[in-house]
N, C-alpha and C. Protein backbone atom coordinates (compact mmCIF):
# COMPACT_ATOMS: atom_id res chain seq x y z
N MET A 1 100.84 112.35 54.21
CA MET A 1 100.24 112.06 55.71
C MET A 1 99.23 112.53 56.47
N ILE A 2 98.88 111.81 57.65
CA ILE A 2 97.87 112.66 58.55
C ILE A 2 98.43 112.56 59.68
N GLY A 3 98.61 113.79 60.22
CA GLY A 3 98.51 114.20 61.57
C GLY A 3 97.47 114.26 62.97
N VAL A 4 97.90 113.47 63.45
CA VAL A 4 96.57 113.19 64.53
C VAL A 4 96.75 113.59 65.99
N VAL A 5 95.65 114.32 66.95
CA VAL A 5 96.04 115.13 68.43
C VAL A 5 94.70 114.82 68.93
N SER A 6 94.95 114.72 69.93
CA SER A 6 93.76 114.61 70.75
C SER A 6 93.87 114.97 72.25
N ASP A 7 92.89 115.23 72.88
CA ASP A 7 92.73 115.66 74.31
C ASP A 7 93.71 116.04 74.52
N THR A 8 93.86 117.57 74.09
CA THR A 8 94.80 118.51 74.47
C THR A 8 94.68 119.57 75.53
N HIS A 9 93.44 119.76 75.52
CA HIS A 9 92.81 120.07 77.21
C HIS A 9 93.66 121.23 77.69
N ILE A 10 93.84 121.85 76.64
CA ILE A 10 94.31 123.37 76.52
C ILE A 10 93.23 124.73 77.08
N PRO A 11 92.98 125.15 77.81
CA PRO A 11 94.48 125.56 78.99
C PRO A 11 93.67 125.10 80.68
N HIS A 12 92.97 123.99 80.32
CA HIS A 12 92.58 123.61 81.36
C HIS A 12 93.69 122.36 82.14
N ARG A 13 94.21 121.76 81.67
CA ARG A 13 95.47 120.90 82.10
C ARG A 13 97.07 121.48 81.61
N ILE A 14 97.06 121.84 80.46
CA ILE A 14 98.22 122.36 79.81
C ILE A 14 97.86 123.70 79.40
N SER A 15 99.08 124.60 79.58
CA SER A 15 98.47 126.01 79.32
C SER A 15 98.80 126.14 78.24
N ALA A 16 99.15 125.85 77.06
CA ALA A 16 99.90 126.29 75.57
C ALA A 16 100.22 124.88 74.43
N MET A 17 99.57 124.94 73.41
CA MET A 17 100.04 124.08 72.48
C MET A 17 101.92 123.48 72.93
N PRO A 18 102.19 122.55 73.29
CA PRO A 18 103.94 122.40 73.08
C PRO A 18 104.39 122.46 71.72
N SER A 19 105.57 123.21 71.65
CA SER A 19 105.93 123.67 70.71
C SER A 19 106.43 121.67 69.73
N ALA A 20 106.83 120.87 71.04
CA ALA A 20 106.81 119.44 70.13
C ALA A 20 105.58 118.63 69.09
N VAL A 21 104.74 119.47 69.28
CA VAL A 21 103.30 119.06 68.59
C VAL A 21 103.78 119.52 67.63
N TYR A 22 103.75 120.86 66.88
CA TYR A 22 104.34 121.61 65.70
C TYR A 22 105.08 120.58 65.18
N ASP A 23 106.51 120.51 65.66
CA ASP A 23 107.13 120.12 65.34
C ASP A 23 107.00 118.45 64.71
N ALA A 24 106.66 117.54 65.40
CA ALA A 24 105.64 116.46 65.40
C ALA A 24 104.92 116.46 63.65
N LEU A 25 103.96 117.95 63.34
CA LEU A 25 103.11 117.72 62.81
C LEU A 25 103.62 118.43 61.48
N ARG A 26 104.95 118.88 61.39
CA ARG A 26 105.53 119.32 60.75
C ARG A 26 105.23 118.21 59.23
N GLY A 27 104.75 118.99 58.01
CA GLY A 27 105.23 118.17 57.12
C GLY A 27 103.78 117.12 56.42
N CYS A 28 102.97 117.51 57.63
CA CYS A 28 101.43 116.73 57.59
C CYS A 28 100.80 117.05 56.08
N ASP A 29 99.40 116.39 55.39
CA ASP A 29 99.04 117.07 54.43
C ASP A 29 97.58 117.52 55.07
N LEU A 30 97.31 116.64 56.51
CA LEU A 30 96.56 117.15 56.74
C LEU A 30 96.64 117.00 58.32
N ILE A 31 95.70 117.58 59.40
CA ILE A 31 95.59 117.40 60.72
C ILE A 31 94.21 116.74 61.18
N LEU A 32 94.24 116.08 61.87
CA LEU A 32 92.77 115.79 62.65
C LEU A 32 93.25 116.09 64.23
N HIS A 33 92.05 116.61 64.94
CA HIS A 33 91.87 116.83 66.40
C HIS A 33 90.75 115.91 66.65
N ALA A 34 90.60 114.88 67.34
CA ALA A 34 89.88 114.24 67.57
C ALA A 34 88.79 114.70 69.34
N GLY A 35 89.26 115.83 69.59
CA GLY A 35 88.03 116.38 70.98
C GLY A 35 88.95 116.59 72.33
N ASP A 36 88.49 117.07 72.54
CA ASP A 36 88.87 117.45 73.69
C ASP A 36 90.34 118.80 73.47
N LEU A 37 89.63 119.32 72.94
CA LEU A 37 90.62 120.70 72.41
C LEU A 37 90.45 121.52 73.64
N GLU A 38 89.28 122.18 74.16
CA GLU A 38 88.54 122.69 75.04
C GLU A 38 89.01 124.05 74.30
N ASP A 39 90.33 124.97 73.82
CA ASP A 39 90.01 126.44 73.53
C ASP A 39 90.37 126.40 71.71
N PRO A 40 89.17 126.55 71.29
CA PRO A 40 89.10 126.48 69.69
C PRO A 40 90.27 127.71 69.39
N ALA A 41 90.77 128.19 69.92
CA ALA A 41 91.95 129.11 69.47
C ALA A 41 92.78 128.37 69.12
N ILE A 42 93.28 127.14 69.41
CA ILE A 42 94.18 126.28 69.19
C ILE A 42 94.28 126.08 67.79
N LEU A 43 93.28 125.78 67.22
CA LEU A 43 92.81 125.50 65.44
C LEU A 43 93.60 126.43 64.81
N LYS A 44 94.03 127.44 65.14
CA LYS A 44 94.15 128.96 63.96
C LYS A 44 95.87 128.21 63.65
N PRO A 45 96.70 127.86 64.60
CA PRO A 45 97.93 127.46 64.28
C PRO A 45 98.44 125.95 63.83
N LEU A 46 96.99 125.04 63.82
CA LEU A 46 97.17 123.98 63.13
C LEU A 46 96.77 124.58 61.76
N ARG A 47 95.87 125.32 61.89
CA ARG A 47 95.24 125.63 60.24
C ARG A 47 96.55 126.29 59.29
N ALA A 48 97.27 126.77 59.91
CA ALA A 48 98.56 127.75 59.39
C ALA A 48 99.76 126.51 58.67
N MET A 49 99.22 125.38 59.27
CA MET A 49 100.21 124.07 58.96
C MET A 49 99.99 122.98 57.71
N ALA A 50 98.68 122.74 57.92
CA ALA A 50 97.54 122.29 57.22
C ALA A 50 96.31 121.97 57.18
N PRO A 51 95.41 121.55 56.05
CA PRO A 51 93.58 121.55 55.97
C PRO A 51 93.81 120.87 57.45
N THR A 52 93.38 121.71 58.44
CA THR A 52 92.96 120.81 60.20
C THR A 52 91.34 120.63 60.20
N TYR A 53 90.83 119.21 60.36
CA TYR A 53 89.27 119.01 61.23
C TYR A 53 89.23 118.79 62.57
N ALA A 54 88.39 119.44 63.10
CA ALA A 54 88.00 118.93 64.76
C ALA A 54 86.76 118.76 65.00
N VAL A 55 86.82 117.71 66.30
CA VAL A 55 85.43 117.64 66.46
C VAL A 55 85.66 118.11 68.51
N ARG A 56 84.40 118.18 68.75
CA ARG A 56 84.35 118.34 69.95
C ARG A 56 84.24 117.00 70.93
N GLY A 57 84.92 117.85 72.12
CA GLY A 57 85.28 116.40 73.58
C GLY A 57 83.93 116.27 74.14
N ASN A 58 84.22 115.58 75.40
CA ASN A 58 83.17 115.58 76.07
C ASN A 58 83.32 116.69 76.91
N LEU A 59 82.10 117.25 77.43
CA LEU A 59 81.81 118.53 78.33
C LEU A 59 82.80 118.39 79.50
N HIS A 60 83.54 119.12 79.88
CA HIS A 60 83.81 119.22 81.40
C HIS A 60 83.39 120.06 81.91
N TRP A 61 84.10 121.13 82.55
CA TRP A 61 84.01 122.49 83.21
C TRP A 61 84.13 123.34 82.44
N GLN A 62 84.12 123.51 81.21
CA GLN A 62 84.09 124.57 80.24
C GLN A 62 83.64 125.67 80.49
N TYR A 63 82.17 125.03 80.12
CA TYR A 63 81.30 126.03 80.38
C TYR A 63 81.63 127.10 81.46
N SER A 64 81.98 127.25 82.41
CA SER A 64 81.77 127.59 83.64
C SER A 64 83.00 129.01 83.18
N THR A 65 84.25 128.45 82.28
CA THR A 65 84.99 129.18 82.05
C THR A 65 84.66 130.24 80.84
N GLY A 66 84.08 129.63 80.01
CA GLY A 66 83.25 130.71 78.70
C GLY A 66 84.41 129.77 77.60
N THR A 67 85.14 128.79 77.98
CA THR A 67 86.36 128.15 77.12
C THR A 67 86.14 126.88 76.76
N HIS A 68 85.26 126.25 75.79
CA HIS A 68 84.84 125.42 75.10
C HIS A 68 84.58 124.61 73.46
N ASP A 69 84.73 123.64 73.60
CA ASP A 69 85.00 123.28 72.16
C ASP A 69 83.51 122.94 71.88
N GLN A 70 81.97 123.28 72.49
CA GLN A 70 81.09 122.43 72.01
C GLN A 70 80.48 123.22 70.58
N GLU A 71 80.58 123.90 70.06
CA GLU A 71 80.06 124.38 68.50
C GLU A 71 80.95 123.73 67.78
N LEU A 72 81.76 123.06 67.67
CA LEU A 72 82.14 122.30 67.00
C LEU A 72 81.59 121.06 66.82
N PRO A 73 81.17 120.04 65.14
CA PRO A 73 80.74 118.45 64.95
C PRO A 73 81.13 117.84 66.52
N LEU A 74 79.80 116.99 66.69
CA LEU A 74 80.08 115.80 67.36
C LEU A 74 81.17 114.53 66.50
N ALA A 75 80.80 114.50 65.20
CA ALA A 75 81.54 113.88 64.40
C ALA A 75 81.61 113.94 63.10
N LEU A 76 82.74 113.84 62.46
CA LEU A 76 82.43 114.31 60.59
C LEU A 76 83.44 112.88 59.71
N THR A 77 82.84 112.96 58.92
CA THR A 77 83.17 112.01 57.73
C THR A 77 84.11 113.17 56.74
N VAL A 78 85.45 112.85 56.38
CA VAL A 78 86.76 113.15 55.70
C VAL A 78 86.73 111.88 54.64
N ALA A 79 86.45 112.04 53.26
CA ALA A 79 86.89 111.07 52.08
C ALA A 79 88.08 111.58 51.79
N LEU A 80 89.21 110.53 51.64
CA LEU A 80 90.34 110.55 51.57
C LEU A 80 90.98 109.27 50.72
N CYS A 81 91.53 110.01 49.46
CA CYS A 81 92.22 109.05 48.58
C CYS A 81 91.54 107.42 48.97
N GLY A 82 89.92 107.40 48.05
CA GLY A 82 89.25 106.34 48.19
C GLY A 82 88.95 105.64 49.62
N ARG A 83 89.01 106.30 50.60
CA ARG A 83 88.40 105.73 51.89
C ARG A 83 87.52 106.95 52.64
N ASN A 84 87.21 106.53 53.05
CA ASN A 84 86.13 107.48 54.44
C ASN A 84 86.67 107.49 55.70
N LEU A 85 87.25 108.05 56.26
CA LEU A 85 87.43 108.21 57.49
C LEU A 85 86.52 109.36 58.46
N TRP A 86 85.98 108.50 59.58
CA TRP A 86 84.96 109.44 60.58
C TRP A 86 85.76 109.49 61.71
N LEU A 87 86.14 110.86 62.08
CA LEU A 87 86.12 111.41 63.04
C LEU A 87 85.31 111.80 64.13
N THR A 88 85.44 111.74 65.63
CA THR A 88 85.10 111.71 66.76
C THR A 88 85.45 111.52 67.91
N HIS A 89 85.42 112.06 68.68
CA HIS A 89 85.44 111.95 70.19
C HIS A 89 85.64 110.51 70.78
N GLY A 90 84.55 110.13 70.26
CA GLY A 90 83.94 109.08 70.80
C GLY A 90 83.04 108.83 72.00
N HIS A 91 82.88 110.02 73.20
CA HIS A 91 81.97 109.89 73.59
C HIS A 91 80.37 110.12 73.75
N PHE A 92 79.87 110.67 72.53
CA PHE A 92 78.36 110.84 71.92
C PHE A 92 77.72 111.28 73.13
N SER A 93 77.77 111.50 74.24
CA SER A 93 75.95 112.38 74.78
C SER A 93 77.25 112.02 76.12
N PHE A 94 76.54 112.83 77.16
CA PHE A 94 77.08 113.07 78.51
C PHE A 94 76.36 111.80 78.89
N ALA A 95 75.61 110.95 79.33
CA ALA A 95 75.43 109.79 79.83
C ALA A 95 76.51 108.60 79.60
N TYR A 96 77.16 108.37 78.23
CA TYR A 96 78.35 107.19 77.97
C TYR A 96 79.92 108.67 78.98
N SER A 97 79.39 109.71 78.65
CA SER A 97 80.66 110.32 79.18
C SER A 97 80.85 109.78 80.79
N VAL A 98 80.00 109.73 81.21
CA VAL A 98 79.81 109.31 82.81
C VAL A 98 79.73 108.09 83.23
N VAL A 99 79.48 107.72 82.02
CA VAL A 99 79.91 105.29 81.99
C VAL A 99 81.58 105.64 82.12
N ASP A 100 81.53 106.32 80.79
CA ASP A 100 83.28 106.00 80.54
C ASP A 100 84.31 106.91 81.50
N LYS A 101 83.75 107.61 82.44
CA LYS A 101 84.73 108.12 83.26
C LYS A 101 84.75 107.14 84.41
N PHE A 102 83.70 106.42 84.77
CA PHE A 102 83.86 105.62 86.01
C PHE A 102 84.31 104.68 85.88
N SER A 103 83.64 103.74 84.75
CA SER A 103 84.61 102.53 84.15
C SER A 103 85.84 102.19 83.29
N GLY A 104 86.33 103.91 82.88
CA GLY A 104 87.49 104.10 82.70
C GLY A 104 88.55 104.22 83.63
N TYR A 105 88.25 104.37 84.88
CA TYR A 105 89.44 104.24 86.04
C TYR A 105 89.94 102.96 86.11
N ALA A 106 88.65 101.61 86.51
CA ALA A 106 89.11 100.54 86.42
C ALA A 106 89.53 100.38 85.33
N ALA A 107 89.01 100.46 84.44
CA ALA A 107 89.38 99.99 82.75
C ALA A 107 91.17 100.23 82.85
N ARG A 108 91.81 101.48 82.70
CA ARG A 108 93.04 101.65 82.69
C ARG A 108 94.07 100.77 83.83
N ARG A 109 93.28 100.60 84.73
CA ARG A 109 94.55 99.61 85.32
C ARG A 109 94.71 98.41 84.60
N LYS A 110 93.89 98.21 83.59
CA LYS A 110 94.07 96.65 82.43
C LYS A 110 94.98 97.32 80.87
N ARG A 111 95.11 98.54 81.22
CA ARG A 111 95.49 99.30 80.04
C ARG A 111 94.85 100.05 78.85
N GLN A 112 94.37 98.95 77.89
CA GLN A 112 93.74 98.64 76.95
C GLN A 112 92.19 98.80 77.10
N GLY A 113 92.05 98.43 78.25
CA GLY A 113 90.42 98.04 78.71
C GLY A 113 89.70 99.21 78.34
N VAL A 114 89.65 100.36 78.66
CA VAL A 114 88.64 101.48 78.09
C VAL A 114 88.52 101.65 76.54
N ASN A 115 89.84 101.75 75.50
CA ASN A 115 89.30 101.43 74.64
C ASN A 115 89.19 100.44 74.10
N ASP A 116 89.16 99.20 74.21
CA ASP A 116 87.98 97.93 74.12
C ASP A 116 86.81 98.62 74.26
N MET A 117 86.18 99.26 75.33
CA MET A 117 84.85 99.72 75.57
C MET A 117 84.69 100.87 73.91
N LEU A 118 85.61 101.36 73.54
CA LEU A 118 85.43 102.39 73.34
C LEU A 118 85.40 101.88 71.94
N VAL A 119 85.72 101.08 71.25
CA VAL A 119 85.90 100.84 69.76
C VAL A 119 84.25 99.97 69.74
N ALA A 120 84.21 98.94 71.07
CA ALA A 120 82.91 98.63 71.00
C ALA A 120 81.64 99.47 70.27
N ARG A 121 81.73 100.31 71.40
CA ARG A 121 80.51 101.55 70.66
C ARG A 121 81.08 101.76 69.58
N LEU A 122 82.03 102.22 69.26
CA LEU A 122 82.26 102.86 67.43
C LEU A 122 82.35 101.72 66.70
N ARG A 123 82.19 100.59 66.83
CA ARG A 123 81.60 99.67 65.66
C ARG A 123 80.09 99.55 65.58
N ARG A 124 79.48 100.08 66.69
CA ARG A 124 77.78 99.94 66.33
C ARG A 124 77.55 101.33 66.01
N MET A 125 77.93 102.67 66.15
CA MET A 125 78.03 103.86 65.64
C MET A 125 78.35 104.43 64.38
N ARG A 126 79.52 103.66 64.03
CA ARG A 126 80.22 104.53 62.84
C ARG A 126 79.14 104.29 61.42
N PRO A 127 79.64 105.36 60.72
CA PRO A 127 78.70 105.17 59.55
C PRO A 127 79.13 103.82 58.56
N ALA A 128 78.41 103.29 57.87
CA ALA A 128 78.60 102.06 57.66
C ALA A 128 79.88 101.99 56.25
N ALA A 129 79.91 103.34 55.69
CA ALA A 129 80.42 103.56 54.85
C ALA A 129 82.56 103.74 55.09
N ALA A 130 82.36 104.08 56.43
CA ALA A 130 83.76 104.62 57.48
C ALA A 130 84.54 103.34 57.16
N ASP A 131 86.04 103.70 57.03
CA ASP A 131 86.86 102.43 56.89
C ASP A 131 87.52 102.63 58.06
N ILE A 132 88.26 103.68 58.41
CA ILE A 132 89.35 104.01 59.12
C ILE A 132 88.25 104.71 60.16
N VAL A 133 88.21 104.47 61.11
CA VAL A 133 87.43 105.33 62.73
C VAL A 133 88.64 105.99 63.65
N VAL A 134 89.13 107.38 63.69
CA VAL A 134 89.81 108.13 64.39
C VAL A 134 89.48 108.81 65.55
N PHE A 135 89.35 108.39 66.59
CA PHE A 135 88.59 108.77 67.92
C PHE A 135 89.66 109.39 69.00
N GLY A 136 89.19 110.07 70.16
CA GLY A 136 90.30 109.86 71.28
C GLY A 136 89.77 109.47 72.82
N HIS A 137 89.90 110.43 73.36
CA HIS A 137 88.54 110.38 74.92
C HIS A 137 89.46 109.50 75.84
N SER A 138 90.35 108.39 75.46
CA SER A 138 91.01 107.64 76.82
C SER A 138 92.37 108.10 77.07
N HIS A 139 92.81 108.65 76.39
CA HIS A 139 94.37 109.19 76.74
C HIS A 139 95.25 108.11 76.54
N LEU A 140 94.51 107.29 75.49
CA LEU A 140 95.32 105.96 75.45
C LEU A 140 95.57 105.65 73.88
N SER A 141 96.52 105.59 73.59
CA SER A 141 96.89 105.31 72.30
C SER A 141 96.47 103.72 71.68
N THR A 142 95.63 103.57 70.42
CA THR A 142 95.66 102.37 69.84
C THR A 142 95.79 102.20 68.45
N ALA A 143 95.95 100.78 68.08
CA ALA A 143 95.70 101.20 66.21
C ALA A 143 94.85 99.72 66.65
N ARG A 144 93.66 99.16 65.80
CA ARG A 144 93.36 98.01 65.70
C ARG A 144 92.36 97.75 64.43
N THR A 145 92.78 96.77 63.80
CA THR A 145 91.98 96.34 62.47
C THR A 145 91.00 95.83 63.10
N ILE A 146 89.32 95.90 62.53
CA ILE A 146 88.66 94.71 62.80
C ILE A 146 87.27 94.91 61.58
N ASP A 147 87.10 93.77 61.22
CA ASP A 147 86.20 93.55 59.93
C ASP A 147 86.88 94.71 58.76
N GLY A 148 88.34 94.86 58.47
CA GLY A 148 88.47 95.73 57.50
C GLY A 148 88.61 96.78 57.35
N VAL A 149 88.23 97.41 59.13
CA VAL A 149 87.99 98.89 59.78
C VAL A 149 89.29 99.05 60.76
N LEU A 150 90.18 100.34 60.12
CA LEU A 150 90.71 100.72 61.29
C LEU A 150 90.55 101.34 62.11
N TYR A 151 90.55 101.53 63.30
CA TYR A 151 90.29 102.16 64.97
C TYR A 151 91.39 103.18 65.60
N PHE A 152 91.48 103.97 65.32
CA PHE A 152 93.00 104.82 65.60
C PHE A 152 92.94 105.75 66.83
N ASN A 153 93.76 105.42 67.73
CA ASN A 153 93.31 106.64 68.81
C ASN A 153 94.77 106.95 68.75
N PRO A 154 95.05 108.61 68.79
CA PRO A 154 96.37 108.75 68.95
C PRO A 154 97.33 108.85 70.57
N GLY A 155 96.03 108.71 71.40
CA GLY A 155 96.69 109.45 72.35
C GLY A 155 96.40 110.48 72.80
N SER A 156 96.66 111.00 73.85
CA SER A 156 96.96 112.29 74.56
C SER A 156 97.83 113.19 74.59
N VAL A 157 97.96 114.60 73.68
CA VAL A 157 99.02 115.76 74.42
C VAL A 157 98.98 115.67 75.91
N ALA A 158 97.88 115.56 76.78
CA ALA A 158 98.03 115.84 77.91
C ALA A 158 97.87 115.05 78.49
N SER A 159 98.30 113.97 78.32
CA SER A 159 98.02 112.63 79.16
C SER A 159 99.59 112.61 80.02
N GLN A 160 99.31 112.48 81.41
CA GLN A 160 100.77 112.23 82.28
C GLN A 160 100.85 110.64 82.97
N GLU A 161 101.69 110.74 82.16
CA GLU A 161 102.30 109.00 82.53
C GLU A 161 101.87 108.12 83.80
N GLU A 162 102.01 108.90 84.56
CA GLU A 162 101.07 108.34 85.53
C GLU A 162 99.68 108.25 86.76
N ARG A 163 99.48 109.02 85.66
CA ARG A 163 97.85 108.64 85.47
C ARG A 163 97.14 107.94 84.79
N SER A 164 97.96 107.63 83.33
CA SER A 164 97.29 106.93 82.49
C SER A 164 97.60 105.80 82.00
N GLY A 165 99.56 106.10 82.52
CA GLY A 165 100.14 104.86 81.94
C GLY A 165 101.06 105.10 80.47
N GLU A 166 100.76 105.99 80.17
CA GLU A 166 101.40 106.54 78.76
C GLU A 166 101.65 108.03 78.76
N GLY A 167 102.63 108.43 78.21
CA GLY A 167 103.06 109.84 78.33
C GLY A 167 102.28 110.38 77.23
N PRO A 168 103.05 111.82 76.65
CA PRO A 168 102.01 112.34 75.72
C PRO A 168 102.09 111.97 74.30
N ARG A 169 101.41 111.97 73.38
CA ARG A 169 101.67 112.01 71.97
C ARG A 169 101.02 112.05 70.91
N VAL A 170 101.41 111.91 69.73
CA VAL A 170 100.65 112.62 68.83
C VAL A 170 100.66 111.15 68.10
N GLY A 171 99.64 111.09 67.11
CA GLY A 171 99.41 110.17 66.06
C GLY A 171 100.23 110.19 64.56
N ARG A 172 100.15 109.24 63.94
CA ARG A 172 100.12 110.05 62.73
C ARG A 172 99.72 108.63 61.55
N LEU A 173 99.01 108.66 60.47
CA LEU A 173 97.89 107.96 59.45
C LEU A 173 98.91 108.23 58.14
N VAL A 174 99.62 107.27 57.56
CA VAL A 174 100.00 107.16 56.01
C VAL A 174 99.01 106.45 55.33
N LEU A 175 98.53 107.03 54.46
CA LEU A 175 97.83 106.33 53.36
C LEU A 175 98.58 105.88 52.10
N GLU A 176 98.91 104.71 51.97
CA GLU A 176 99.51 104.22 50.96
C GLU A 176 99.02 104.38 49.75
N PRO A 177 99.55 104.00 48.48
CA PRO A 177 98.97 104.27 47.07
C PRO A 177 97.73 103.08 47.05
N ASP A 178 98.28 101.60 47.64
CA ASP A 178 97.34 100.59 47.52
C ASP A 178 96.22 101.00 48.15
N GLY A 179 96.27 101.97 49.14
CA GLY A 179 94.92 101.84 50.10
C GLY A 179 95.30 101.95 51.42
N THR A 180 96.36 100.72 51.80
CA THR A 180 96.97 100.44 52.79
C THR A 180 97.18 101.81 53.88
N VAL A 181 96.63 101.77 55.30
CA VAL A 181 97.18 102.27 56.08
C VAL A 181 98.01 102.05 57.32
N THR A 182 99.49 102.96 57.06
CA THR A 182 100.01 102.52 58.26
C THR A 182 100.21 103.72 59.50
N PRO A 183 100.04 103.54 60.17
CA PRO A 183 99.52 104.14 61.71
C PRO A 183 100.80 103.90 62.25
N SER A 184 100.95 105.44 63.43
CA SER A 184 102.59 105.44 63.86
C SER A 184 102.19 106.14 65.26
N TRP A 185 102.80 106.63 66.00
CA TRP A 185 102.79 107.42 66.97
C TRP A 185 104.54 108.28 67.34
N ILE A 186 104.18 109.48 67.72
CA ILE A 186 105.83 110.14 68.04
C ILE A 186 105.53 110.69 69.47
N ASP A 187 106.24 109.76 70.31
CA ASP A 187 105.83 109.84 72.03
C ASP A 187 107.09 111.43 72.21
N LEU A 188 106.06 112.62 73.15
CA LEU A 188 106.44 113.91 72.78
C LEU A 188 107.69 113.85 74.23
N ALA A 189 108.80 114.89 74.14
CA ALA A 189 109.26 114.99 74.99
C ALA A 189 108.91 116.84 75.56
N LEU A 190 107.81 116.60 76.89
CA LEU A 190 107.64 117.82 77.18
C LEU A 190 108.51 118.73 78.19
N GLY A 191 109.65 117.92 78.36
CA GLY A 191 110.33 118.79 79.59
C GLY A 191 110.90 119.76 79.49
């Protein structure tokens, strides 16, 4: 089982990783962080639980604070049980980040509109061998298969329902022996 988190935004949106995240990831064989972790120190406890891969997010105000994830790779490919998983935040450049920010606000009113935009971009940019694409950036979860490729967004650990329409979530991917992938989510109670 693969645990997937994204957009934790620590310490800028939430001060620390909620214990509910660790509870949700317990028992995972692999953990993926799809960017906007901001403070790379959060990877150490995740790596203590299972092998962990992470990518950088889009640049916010982090350089002014000295806490940022920009040394992480923009994207990476992981071979798993005969499948090729491509992990990215989904923004790819500062220009895309700006476009996403402005068009994303309007698209969020339609809930999945922002993910439609990201999936269209990822379809153009993904490595040809990638048959699972994991991304973040929108703070909205989705799982859709297009032309045999699964596009999966776990949502955001730092998501605020009043802002995005979806509360904090963690994703899971189960790779079945027959090669199928079953996506799911765990809603986090962070009270």
